[in-house]
Amino acid sequence: MSILDVTQDIETNVIIPLANLFKSIDPVTNKAFEIKPIIIKLLASEHFYDIANIGSIIKSSAEFTIGTLRFLNFPVPLINTSLRI
């Protein structure tokens, strides 16, 4: 399964429940949009440990950001490593 293969089953049973949990009020902090409960829920899920997901690569924040900029055709400046300040 590649990173783009999000099936309807994954959408319905993993992504939507996690999104709803993210939007809900955390009973401990009494705030919405808390990351910690999402991470706990995901790491405790069967989906996370599914044999089909072993070896999946998670993009770094830099890879994600640059990939998004390229996908949106946003100009990415070239970095010249020979410049010295």
Protein backbone atom coordinates (compact mmCIF):
# COMPACT_ATOMS: atom_id res chain seq x y z
CA MET A 1 0.00 0.00 0.00
CA SER A 2 1.45 3.38 -0.95
CA ILE A 3 0.92 6.62 0.90
CA LEU A 4 -1.84 7.57 -1.56
CA ASP A 5 -3.88 4.38 -1.07
CA VAL A 6 -6.43 5.62 1.45
CA THR A 7 -9.36 3.30 1.00
CA GLN A 8 -12.94 4.10 1.95
CA ASP A 9 -12.55 1.61 4.82
CA ILE A 10 -9.53 3.51 6.20
CA GLU A 11 -11.34 6.82 5.72
CA THR A 12 -14.45 5.58 7.54
CA ASN A 13 -12.83 3.55 10.31
CA VAL A 14 -9.61 5.44 11.03
CA ILE A 15 -9.45 8.97 9.65
CA ILE A 16 -12.98 10.19 10.39
CA PRO A 17 -13.03 8.87 14.00
CA LEU A 18 -9.62 10.47 14.66
CA ALA A 19 -10.81 13.74 13.11
CA ASN A 20 -13.93 13.68 15.27
CA LEU A 21 -11.80 13.01 18.35
CA PHE A 22 -9.55 15.91 17.37
CA LYS A 23 -12.54 18.26 17.14
CA SER A 24 -14.12 17.05 20.38
CA ILE A 25 -13.55 18.52 23.83
CA ASP A 26 -10.82 16.68 25.77
CA PRO A 27 -12.25 15.78 29.20
CA VAL A 28 -8.84 16.24 30.86
CA THR A 29 -7.92 19.65 29.47
CA ASN A 30 -11.46 20.80 28.61
CA LYS A 31 -10.13 21.98 25.24
CA ALA A 32 -10.69 20.92 21.64
CA PHE A 33 -7.99 20.30 19.04
CA GLU A 34 -5.63 18.46 21.39
CA ILE A 35 -2.99 16.31 19.68
CA LYS A 36 -2.15 13.99 22.60
CA PRO A 37 -5.46 12.04 22.60
CA ILE A 38 -5.13 11.51 18.84
CA ILE A 39 -1.61 10.10 19.17
CA ILE A 40 -2.66 7.83 22.05
CA LYS A 41 -5.67 6.56 20.10
CA LEU A 42 -3.67 6.01 16.90
CA LEU A 43 -0.79 4.22 18.63
CA ALA A 44 -3.27 1.93 20.42
CA SER A 45 -5.21 1.13 17.23
CA GLU A 46 -5.08 -2.14 15.30
CA HIS A 47 -4.63 -0.13 12.10
CA PHE A 48 -1.29 1.25 13.34
CA TYR A 49 0.07 -2.27 13.89
CA ASP A 50 -1.51 -3.84 10.78
CA ILE A 51 0.98 -6.03 8.93
CA ALA A 52 0.18 -4.14 5.70
CA ASN A 53 1.49 -0.92 7.27
CA ILE A 54 4.85 -2.27 8.42
CA GLY A 55 7.64 -0.44 6.62
CA SER A 56 5.46 2.50 5.67
CA ILE A 57 7.41 5.70 5.43
CA ILE A 58 6.20 8.81 7.20
CA LYS A 59 7.32 12.05 5.60
CA SER A 60 9.31 14.54 7.64
CA SER A 61 7.85 18.00 8.06
CA ALA A 62 10.34 19.33 5.50
CA GLU A 63 9.38 16.66 2.93
CA PHE A 64 5.70 17.35 3.53
CA THR A 65 6.08 21.13 3.23
CA ILE A 66 8.25 21.05 0.11
CA GLY A 67 6.02 18.40 -1.50
CA THR A 68 2.95 20.55 -0.82
CA LEU A 69 4.64 23.63 -2.29
CA ARG A 70 5.61 21.68 -5.40
CA PHE A 71 2.14 20.15 -5.74
CA LEU A 72 0.61 23.64 -5.59
CA ASN A 73 3.20 24.92 -8.11
CA PHE A 74 4.48 27.39 -5.56
CA PRO A 75 7.99 28.51 -6.53
CA VAL A 76 10.62 26.94 -4.30
CA PRO A 77 13.85 28.95 -4.22
CA LEU A 78 17.04 27.13 -5.11
CA ILE A 79 19.61 27.10 -2.34
CA ASN A 80 23.11 27.84 -3.50
CA THR A 81 25.48 26.12 -1.10
CA SER A 82 28.50 28.04 -2.40
CA LEU A 83 27.25 31.36 -0.99
CA ARG A 84 29.08 32.51 2.12
CA ILE A 85 27.93 35.18 4.53
